[in-house]
Amino acid sequence: MPKRRNKTRQKPEKDTVYILKMILYHIIGIQWLRITLHSGMMIPIPVGFLIGLLFTSHEHFQIDRKIEYAVLLTAMVVGFWLPVGVTILL
């Protein structure tokens, strides 16, 4: 008779933790670094999106990774059009 292996199952996240995580991903993803040069040219860099990708890649629950990427992408697009983030004048 084969022996059973004890598989440890991960506990699912609570709904409140999941909602809080989505809100934090949205706040992080909306942040932009805008560098304005003397010539008037502006260089936008989505630093919040890059930080969010770093957090998402190290996520414990890999099932929701696609949803987290979608939240980061929509937040990045919204943050591009809103005056959110840091502006540096060079």
PDB file of N, CA and C in Angstrom:
ATOM      1  N   MET A   1       0.839  -1.170   0.000  1.00  0.00           N
ATOM      2  CA  MET A   1       0.000   0.000   0.000  1.00  0.00           C
ATOM      3  C   MET A   1       0.893   1.246   0.000  1.00  0.00           C
ATOM      4  N   PRO A   2       0.672   2.174  -0.971  1.00  0.00           N
ATOM      5  CA  PRO A   2       1.531   3.367  -1.046  1.00  0.00           C
ATOM      6  C   PRO A   2       1.274   4.305   0.133  1.00  0.00           C
ATOM      7  N   LYS A   3       2.343   4.962   0.524  1.00  0.00           N
ATOM      8  CA  LYS A   3       2.236   5.919   1.631  1.00  0.00           C
ATOM      9  C   LYS A   3       1.696   7.246   1.111  1.00  0.00           C
ATOM     10  N   ARG A   4       0.894   7.878   1.920  1.00  0.00           N
ATOM     11  CA  ARG A   4       0.375   9.212   1.568  1.00  0.00           C
ATOM     12  C   ARG A   4       1.383  10.266   1.982  1.00  0.00           C
ATOM     13  N   ARG A   5       1.518  11.220   1.139  1.00  0.00           N
ATOM     14  CA  ARG A   5       2.372  12.359   1.471  1.00  0.00           C
ATOM     15  C   ARG A   5       1.512  13.449   2.077  1.00  0.00           C
ATOM     16  N   ASN A   6       2.039  14.056   3.079  1.00  0.00           N
ATOM     17  CA  ASN A   6       1.324  15.182   3.688  1.00  0.00           C
ATOM     18  C   ASN A   6       1.583  16.437   2.867  1.00  0.00           C
ATOM     19  N   LYS A   7       0.586  16.845   2.143  1.00  0.00           N
ATOM     20  CA  LYS A   7       0.705  18.062   1.346  1.00  0.00           C
ATOM     21  C   LYS A   7       0.191  19.224   2.169  1.00  0.00           C
ATOM     22  N   THR A   8       0.994  20.236   2.261  1.00  0.00           N
ATOM     23  CA  THR A   8       0.552  21.426   2.974  1.00  0.00           C
ATOM     24  C   THR A   8      -0.184  22.321   1.998  1.00  0.00           C
ATOM     25  N   ARG A   9      -1.382  22.668   2.337  1.00  0.00           N
ATOM     26  CA  ARG A   9      -2.192  23.545   1.491  1.00  0.00           C
ATOM     27  C   ARG A   9      -2.063  24.964   2.011  1.00  0.00           C
ATOM     28  N   GLN A  10      -1.976  25.890   1.064  1.00  0.00           N
ATOM     29  CA  GLN A  10      -1.900  27.287   1.437  1.00  0.00           C
ATOM     30  C   GLN A  10      -3.285  27.776   1.812  1.00  0.00           C
ATOM     31  N   LYS A  11      -3.334  28.546   2.876  1.00  0.00           N
ATOM     32  CA  LYS A  11      -4.609  29.129   3.264  1.00  0.00           C
ATOM     33  C   LYS A  11      -4.945  30.251   2.292  1.00  0.00           C
ATOM     34  N   PRO A  12      -6.192  30.310   1.835  1.00  0.00           N
ATOM     35  CA  PRO A  12      -6.553  31.409   0.921  1.00  0.00           C
ATOM     36  C   PRO A  12      -6.550  32.751   1.665  1.00  0.00           C
ATOM     37  N   GLU A  13      -6.293  33.796   0.889  1.00  0.00           N
ATOM     38  CA  GLU A  13      -6.287  35.135   1.472  1.00  0.00           C
ATOM     39  C   GLU A  13      -7.697  35.545   1.863  1.00  0.00           C
ATOM     40  N   LYS A  14      -7.779  36.343   2.894  1.00  0.00           N
ATOM     41  CA  LYS A  14      -9.073  36.919   3.256  1.00  0.00           C
ATOM     42  C   LYS A  14      -9.414  37.998   2.240  1.00  0.00           C
ATOM     43  N   ASP A  15     -10.703  38.267   2.103  1.00  0.00           N
ATOM     44  CA  ASP A  15     -11.154  39.267   1.124  1.00  0.00           C
ATOM     45  C   ASP A  15     -10.615  40.652   1.440  1.00  0.00           C
ATOM     46  N   THR A  16     -10.557  41.003   2.707  1.00  0.00           N
ATOM     47  CA  THR A  16     -10.076  42.339   3.075  1.00  0.00           C
ATOM     48  C   THR A  16      -8.600  42.504   2.742  1.00  0.00           C
ATOM     49  N   VAL A  17      -7.818  41.448   2.909  1.00  0.00           N
ATOM     50  CA  VAL A  17      -6.397  41.506   2.561  1.00  0.00           C
ATOM     51  C   VAL A  17      -6.243  41.665   1.053  1.00  0.00           C
ATOM     52  N   TYR A  18      -7.074  40.965   0.287  1.00  0.00           N
ATOM     53  CA  TYR A  18      -7.013  41.044  -1.164  1.00  0.00           C
ATOM     54  C   TYR A  18      -7.387  42.443  -1.659  1.00  0.00           C
ATOM     55  N   ILE A  19      -8.445  43.018  -1.099  1.00  0.00           N
ATOM     56  CA  ILE A  19      -8.863  44.373  -1.495  1.00  0.00           C
ATOM     57  C   ILE A  19      -7.794  45.394  -1.129  1.00  0.00           C
ATOM     58  N   LEU A  20      -7.218  45.263   0.059  1.00  0.00           N
ATOM     59  CA  LEU A  20      -6.149  46.179   0.477  1.00  0.00           C
ATOM     60  C   LEU A  20      -4.955  46.066  -0.459  1.00  0.00           C
ATOM     61  N   LYS A  21      -4.631  44.852  -0.853  1.00  0.00           N
ATOM     62  CA  LYS A  21      -3.510  44.651  -1.762  1.00  0.00           C
ATOM     63  C   LYS A  21      -3.790  45.290  -3.115  1.00  0.00           C
ATOM     64  N   MET A  22      -5.009  45.167  -3.626  1.00  0.00           N
ATOM     65  CA  MET A  22      -5.349  45.780  -4.910  1.00  0.00           C
ATOM     66  C   MET A  22      -5.292  47.308  -4.831  1.00  0.00           C
ATOM     67  N   ILE A  23      -5.741  47.864  -3.709  1.00  0.00           N
ATOM     68  CA  ILE A  23      -5.662  49.318  -3.524  1.00  0.00           C
ATOM     69  C   ILE A  23      -4.208  49.776  -3.480  1.00  0.00           C
ATOM     70  N   LEU A  24      -3.368  49.033  -2.789  1.00  0.00           N
ATOM     71  CA  LEU A  24      -1.950  49.395  -2.719  1.00  0.00           C
ATOM     72  C   LEU A  24      -1.266  49.274  -4.079  1.00  0.00           C
ATOM     73  N   TYR A  25      -1.616  48.234  -4.842  1.00  0.00           N
ATOM     74  CA  TYR A  25      -1.062  48.125  -6.191  1.00  0.00           C
ATOM     75  C   TYR A  25      -1.520  49.291  -7.068  1.00  0.00           C
ATOM     76  N   HIS A  26      -2.730  49.745  -6.875  1.00  0.00           N
ATOM     77  CA  HIS A  26      -3.222  50.883  -7.658  1.00  0.00           C
ATOM     78  C   HIS A  26      -2.486  52.166  -7.265  1.00  0.00           C
ATOM     79  N   ILE A  27      -2.279  52.368  -5.979  1.00  0.00           N
ATOM     80  CA  ILE A  27      -1.567  53.572  -5.521  1.00  0.00           C
ATOM     81  C   ILE A  27      -0.121  53.544  -5.995  1.00  0.00           C
ATOM     82  N   ILE A  28       0.514  52.382  -5.922  1.00  0.00           N
ATOM     83  CA  ILE A  28       1.901  52.267  -6.386  1.00  0.00           C
ATOM     84  C   ILE A  28       1.977  52.451  -7.905  1.00  0.00           C
ATOM     85  N   GLY A  29       1.066  51.823  -8.634  1.00  0.00           N
ATOM     86  CA  GLY A  29       1.114  51.864 -10.095  1.00  0.00           C
ATOM     87  C   GLY A  29       0.841  53.229 -10.693  1.00  0.00           C
ATOM     88  N   ILE A  30       0.195  54.096  -9.964  1.00  0.00           N
ATOM     89  CA  ILE A  30      -0.180  55.412 -10.488  1.00  0.00           C
ATOM     90  C   ILE A  30       0.983  56.417 -10.416  1.00  0.00           C
ATOM     91  N   GLN A  31       2.050  56.075  -9.718  1.00  0.00           N
ATOM     92  CA  GLN A  31       3.162  57.002  -9.506  1.00  0.00           C
ATOM     93  C   GLN A  31       4.082  57.074 -10.733  1.00  0.00           C
ATOM     94  N   TRP A  32       4.376  58.288 -11.135  1.00  0.00           N
ATOM     95  CA  TRP A  32       5.260  58.554 -12.262  1.00  0.00           C
ATOM     96  C   TRP A  32       6.368  59.505 -11.838  1.00  0.00           C
ATOM     97  N   LEU A  33       7.513  59.393 -12.466  1.00  0.00           N
ATOM     98  CA  LEU A  33       8.598  60.351 -12.310  1.00  0.00           C
ATOM     99  C   LEU A  33       8.692  61.104 -13.625  1.00  0.00           C
ATOM    100  N   ARG A  34       8.444  62.398 -13.565  1.00  0.00           N
ATOM    101  CA  ARG A  34       8.482  63.227 -14.778  1.00  0.00           C
ATOM    102  C   ARG A  34       9.689  64.150 -14.698  1.00  0.00           C
ATOM    103  N   ILE A  35      10.579  63.994 -15.658  1.00  0.00           N
ATOM    104  CA  ILE A  35      11.777  64.825 -15.716  1.00  0.00           C
ATOM    105  C   ILE A  35      11.563  65.852 -16.817  1.00  0.00           C
ATOM    106  N   THR A  36      11.602  67.144 -16.437  1.00  0.00           N
ATOM    107  CA  THR A  36      11.403  68.236 -17.394  1.00  0.00           C
ATOM    108  C   THR A  36      12.745  68.909 -17.639  1.00  0.00           C
ATOM    109  N   LEU A  37      13.155  68.951 -18.885  1.00  0.00           N
ATOM    110  CA  LEU A  37      14.422  69.567 -19.259  1.00  0.00           C
ATOM    111  C   LEU A  37      14.215  71.055 -19.540  1.00  0.00           C
ATOM    112  N   HIS A  38      15.317  71.805 -19.643  1.00  0.00           N
ATOM    113  CA  HIS A  38      15.232  73.242 -19.923  1.00  0.00           C
ATOM    114  C   HIS A  38      14.595  73.524 -21.274  1.00  0.00           C
ATOM    115  N   SER A  39      14.734  72.613 -22.205  1.00  0.00           N
ATOM    116  CA  SER A  39      14.163  72.829 -23.533  1.00  0.00           C
ATOM    117  C   SER A  39      12.642  72.650 -23.540  1.00  0.00           C
ATOM    118  N   GLY A  40      12.063  72.254 -22.407  1.00  0.00           N
ATOM    119  CA  GLY A  40      10.622  72.062 -22.321  1.00  0.00           C
ATOM    120  C   GLY A  40      10.190  70.630 -22.572  1.00  0.00           C
ATOM    121  N   MET A  41      11.140  69.780 -22.895  1.00  0.00           N
ATOM    122  CA  MET A  41      10.813  68.376 -23.149  1.00  0.00           C
ATOM    123  C   MET A  41      10.628  67.643 -21.821  1.00  0.00           C
ATOM    124  N   MET A  42       9.562  66.856 -21.758  1.00  0.00           N
ATOM    125  CA  MET A  42       9.290  66.113 -20.533  1.00  0.00           C
ATOM    126  C   MET A  42       9.487  64.625 -20.801  1.00  0.00           C
ATOM    127  N   ILE A  43      10.190  63.952 -19.868  1.00  0.00           N
ATOM    128  CA  ILE A  43      10.448  62.516 -19.972  1.00  0.00           C
ATOM    129  C   ILE A  43       9.710  61.826 -18.832  1.00  0.00           C
ATOM    130  N   PRO A  44       8.592  61.163 -19.118  1.00  0.00           N
ATOM    131  CA  PRO A  44       7.868  60.443 -18.063  1.00  0.00           C
ATOM    132  C   PRO A  44       8.403  59.021 -17.893  1.00  0.00           C
ATOM    133  N   ILE A  45       8.619  58.627 -16.646  1.00  0.00           N
ATOM    134  CA  ILE A  45       9.107  57.286 -16.329  1.00  0.00           C
ATOM    135  C   ILE A  45       8.137  56.651 -15.334  1.00  0.00           C
ATOM    136  N   PRO A  46       7.572  55.483 -15.647  1.00  0.00           N
ATOM    137  CA  PRO A  46       6.598  54.852 -14.742  1.00  0.00           C
ATOM    138  C   PRO A  46       7.280  54.069 -13.615  1.00  0.00           C
ATOM    139  N   VAL A  47       7.840  54.766 -12.634  1.00  0.00           N
ATOM    140  CA  VAL A  47       8.563  54.094 -11.556  1.00  0.00           C
ATOM    141  C   VAL A  47       7.622  53.261 -10.687  1.00  0.00           C
ATOM    142  N   GLY A  48       6.403  53.710 -10.494  1.00  0.00           N
ATOM    143  CA  GLY A  48       5.451  52.947  -9.700  1.00  0.00           C
ATOM    144  C   GLY A  48       5.117  51.614 -10.336  1.00  0.00           C
ATOM    145  N   PHE A  49       4.989  51.611 -11.646  1.00  0.00           N
ATOM    146  CA  PHE A  49       4.723  50.365 -12.366  1.00  0.00           C
ATOM    147  C   PHE A  49       5.890  49.400 -12.218  1.00  0.00           C
ATOM    148  N   LEU A  50       7.113  49.918 -12.308  1.00  0.00           N
ATOM    149  CA  LEU A  50       8.291  49.065 -12.178  1.00  0.00           C
ATOM    150  C   LEU A  50       8.412  48.493 -10.769  1.00  0.00           C
ATOM    151  N   ILE A  51       8.136  49.301  -9.753  1.00  0.00           N
ATOM    152  CA  ILE A  51       8.153  48.814  -8.375  1.00  0.00           C
ATOM    153  C   ILE A  51       7.041  47.793  -8.157  1.00  0.00           C
ATOM    154  N   GLY A  52       5.878  48.052  -8.733  1.00  0.00           N
ATOM    155  CA  GLY A  52       4.764  47.114  -8.635  1.00  0.00           C
ATOM    156  C   GLY A  52       5.077  45.776  -9.287  1.00  0.00           C
ATOM    157  N   LEU A  53       5.778  45.805 -10.425  1.00  0.00           N
ATOM    158  CA  LEU A  53       6.192  44.559 -11.064  1.00  0.00           C
ATOM    159  C   LEU A  53       7.142  43.769 -10.176  1.00  0.00           C
ATOM    160  N   LEU A  54       8.011  44.474  -9.490  1.00  0.00           N
ATOM    161  CA  LEU A  54       8.933  43.809  -8.566  1.00  0.00           C
ATOM    162  C   LEU A  54       8.170  43.139  -7.433  1.00  0.00           C
ATOM    163  N   PHE A  55       7.197  43.846  -6.857  1.00  0.00           N
ATOM    164  CA  PHE A  55       6.383  43.270  -5.783  1.00  0.00           C
ATOM    165  C   PHE A  55       5.560  42.085  -6.287  1.00  0.00           C
ATOM    166  N   THR A  56       4.991  42.216  -7.469  1.00  0.00           N
ATOM    167  CA  THR A  56       4.138  41.162  -8.008  1.00  0.00           C
ATOM    168  C   THR A  56       4.940  39.904  -8.335  1.00  0.00           C
ATOM    169  N   SER A  57       6.162  40.076  -8.796  1.00  0.00           N
ATOM    170  CA  SER A  57       6.965  38.902  -9.143  1.00  0.00           C
ATOM    171  C   SER A  57       7.355  38.085  -7.915  1.00  0.00           C
ATOM    172  N   HIS A  58       7.362  38.706  -6.742  1.00  0.00           N
ATOM    173  CA  HIS A  58       7.693  37.992  -5.504  1.00  0.00           C
ATOM    174  C   HIS A  58       6.456  37.672  -4.683  1.00  0.00           C
ATOM    175  N   GLU A  59       5.303  37.671  -5.315  1.00  0.00           N
ATOM    176  CA  GLU A  59       4.040  37.416  -4.617  1.00  0.00           C
ATOM    177  C   GLU A  59       3.955  35.960  -4.191  1.00  0.00           C
ATOM    178  N   HIS A  60       3.430  35.726  -3.004  1.00  0.00           N
ATOM    179  CA  HIS A  60       3.307  34.380  -2.441  1.00  0.00           C
ATOM    180  C   HIS A  60       2.238  33.568  -3.173  1.00  0.00           C
ATOM    181  N   PHE A  61       1.086  34.186  -3.426  1.00  0.00           N
ATOM    182  CA  PHE A  61       0.001  33.520  -4.139  1.00  0.00           C
ATOM    183  C   PHE A  61       0.125  33.845  -5.615  1.00  0.00           C
ATOM    184  N   GLN A  62       0.471  32.866  -6.432  1.00  0.00           N
ATOM    185  CA  GLN A  62       0.712  33.112  -7.847  1.00  0.00           C
ATOM    186  C   GLN A  62      -0.558  33.053  -8.684  1.00  0.00           C
ATOM    187  N   ILE A  63      -1.670  32.696  -8.087  1.00  0.00           N
ATOM    188  CA  ILE A  63      -2.916  32.569  -8.835  1.00  0.00           C
ATOM    189  C   ILE A  63      -3.409  33.931  -9.320  1.00  0.00           C
ATOM    190  N   ASP A  64      -3.267  34.948  -8.500  1.00  0.00           N
ATOM    191  CA  ASP A  64      -3.816  36.264  -8.798  1.00  0.00           C
ATOM    192  C   ASP A  64      -2.828  37.179  -9.512  1.00  0.00           C
ATOM    193  N   ARG A  65      -1.751  36.650 -10.013  1.00  0.00           N
ATOM    194  CA  ARG A  65      -0.719  37.483 -10.621  1.00  0.00           C
ATOM    195  C   ARG A  65      -1.235  38.225 -11.851  1.00  0.00           C
ATOM    196  N   LYS A  66      -2.072  37.595 -12.660  1.00  0.00           N
ATOM    197  CA  LYS A  66      -2.605  38.255 -13.857  1.00  0.00           C
ATOM    198  C   LYS A  66      -3.495  39.433 -13.485  1.00  0.00           C
ATOM    199  N   ILE A  67      -4.258  39.276 -12.434  1.00  0.00           N
ATOM    200  CA  ILE A  67      -5.115  40.376 -11.975  1.00  0.00           C
ATOM    201  C   ILE A  67      -4.264  41.529 -11.463  1.00  0.00           C
ATOM    202  N   GLU A  68      -3.205  41.217 -10.749  1.00  0.00           N
ATOM    203  CA  GLU A  68      -2.323  42.264 -10.235  1.00  0.00           C
ATOM    204  C   GLU A  68      -1.636  43.008 -11.377  1.00  0.00           C
ATOM    205  N   TYR A  69      -1.237  42.292 -12.424  1.00  0.00           N
ATOM    206  CA  TYR A  69      -0.663  42.956 -13.596  1.00  0.00           C
ATOM    207  C   TYR A  69      -1.683  43.876 -14.256  1.00  0.00           C
ATOM    208  N   ALA A  70      -2.923  43.433 -14.351  1.00  0.00           N
ATOM    209  CA  ALA A  70      -3.972  44.258 -14.956  1.00  0.00           C
ATOM    210  C   ALA A  70      -4.223  45.520 -14.139  1.00  0.00           C
ATOM    211  N   VAL A  71      -4.239  45.399 -12.817  1.00  0.00           N
ATOM    212  CA  VAL A  71      -4.432  46.571 -11.953  1.00  0.00           C
ATOM    213  C   VAL A  71      -3.268  47.540 -12.115  1.00  0.00           C
ATOM    214  N   LEU A  72      -2.054  47.024 -12.176  1.00  0.00           N
ATOM    215  CA  LEU A  72      -0.890  47.892 -12.369  1.00  0.00           C
ATOM    216  C   LEU A  72      -0.934  48.606 -13.713  1.00  0.00           C
ATOM    217  N   LEU A  73      -1.327  47.902 -14.767  1.00  0.00           N
ATOM    218  CA  LEU A  73      -1.391  48.527 -16.096  1.00  0.00           C
ATOM    219  C   LEU A  73      -2.446  49.626 -16.162  1.00  0.00           C
ATOM    220  N   THR A  74      -3.627  49.364 -15.609  1.00  0.00           N
ATOM    221  CA  THR A  74      -4.663  50.404 -15.642  1.00  0.00           C
ATOM    222  C   THR A  74      -4.272  51.592 -14.777  1.00  0.00           C
ATOM    223  N   ALA A  75      -3.635  51.335 -13.651  1.00  0.00           N
ATOM    224  CA  ALA A  75      -3.181  52.441 -12.802  1.00  0.00           C
ATOM    225  C   ALA A  75      -2.098  53.251 -13.497  1.00  0.00           C
ATOM    226  N   MET A  76      -1.236  52.590 -14.249  1.00  0.00           N
ATOM    227  CA  MET A  76      -0.183  53.295 -14.974  1.00  0.00           C
ATOM    228  C   MET A  76      -0.777  54.224 -16.030  1.00  0.00           C
ATOM    229  N   VAL A  77      -1.787  53.750 -16.753  1.00  0.00           N
ATOM    230  CA  VAL A  77      -2.422  54.584 -17.782  1.00  0.00           C
ATOM    231  C   VAL A  77      -3.130  55.776 -17.144  1.00  0.00           C
ATOM    232  N   VAL A  78      -3.835  55.532 -16.048  1.00  0.00           N
ATOM    233  CA  VAL A  78      -4.519  56.626 -15.350  1.00  0.00           C
ATOM    234  C   VAL A  78      -3.501  57.632 -14.809  1.00  0.00           C
ATOM    235  N   GLY A  79      -2.402  57.137 -14.245  1.00  0.00           N
ATOM    236  CA  GLY A  79      -1.374  58.017 -13.697  1.00  0.00           C
ATOM    237  C   GLY A  79      -0.662  58.840 -14.747  1.00  0.00           C
ATOM    238  N   PHE A  80      -0.630  58.357 -15.990  1.00  0.00           N
ATOM    239  CA  PHE A  80       0.009  59.130 -17.056  1.00  0.00           C
ATOM    240  C   PHE A  80      -0.763  60.404 -17.345  1.00  0.00           C
ATOM    241  N   TRP A  81      -2.087  60.344 -17.283  1.00  0.00           N
ATOM    242  CA  TRP A  81      -2.907  61.497 -17.629  1.00  0.00           C
ATOM    243  C   TRP A  81      -3.198  62.402 -16.446  1.00  0.00           C
ATOM    244  N   LEU A  82      -3.051  61.912 -15.231  1.00  0.00           N
ATOM    245  CA  LEU A  82      -3.281  62.741 -14.041  1.00  0.00           C
ATOM    246  C   LEU A  82      -1.968  63.318 -13.546  1.00  0.00           C
ATOM    247  N   PRO A  83      -2.014  64.482 -12.902  1.00  0.00           N
ATOM    248  CA  PRO A  83      -0.767  65.060 -12.370  1.00  0.00           C
ATOM    249  C   PRO A  83      -0.374  64.408 -11.045  1.00  0.00           C
ATOM    250  N   VAL A  84      -0.014  63.122 -11.110  1.00  0.00           N
ATOM    251  CA  VAL A  84       0.347  62.371  -9.915  1.00  0.00           C
ATOM    252  C   VAL A  84       1.807  61.943 -10.046  1.00  0.00           C
ATOM    253  N   GLY A  85       2.550  62.042  -8.973  1.00  0.00           N
ATOM    254  CA  GLY A  85       3.936  61.606  -8.991  1.00  0.00           C
ATOM    255  C   GLY A  85       4.869  62.758  -8.676  1.00  0.00           C
ATOM    256  N   VAL A  86       6.109  62.609  -9.094  1.00  0.00           N
ATOM    257  CA  VAL A  86       7.159  63.576  -8.795  1.00  0.00           C
ATOM    258  C   VAL A  86       7.635  64.188 -10.091  1.00  0.00           C
ATOM    259  N   THR A  87       7.784  65.515 -10.106  1.00  0.00           N
ATOM    260  CA  THR A  87       8.309  66.226 -11.277  1.00  0.00           C
ATOM    261  C   THR A  87       9.642  66.850 -10.912  1.00  0.00           C
ATOM    262  N   ILE A  88      10.644  66.581 -11.718  1.00  0.00           N
ATOM    263  CA  ILE A  88      11.984  67.124 -11.498  1.00  0.00           C
ATOM    264  C   ILE A  88      12.305  68.072 -12.653  1.00  0.00           C
ATOM    265  N   LEU A  89      12.747  69.266 -12.317  1.00  0.00           N
ATOM    266  CA  LEU A  89      13.147  70.252 -13.328  1.00  0.00           C
ATOM    267  C   LEU A  89      14.647  70.246 -13.455  1.00  0.00           C
ATOM    268  N   LEU A  90      15.141  69.992 -14.663  1.00  0.00           N
ATOM    269  CA  LEU A  90      16.584  70.001 -14.910  1.00  0.00           C
ATOM    270  C   LEU A  90      16.959  71.117 -15.854  1.00  0.00           C
TER     271      LEU A  90
END
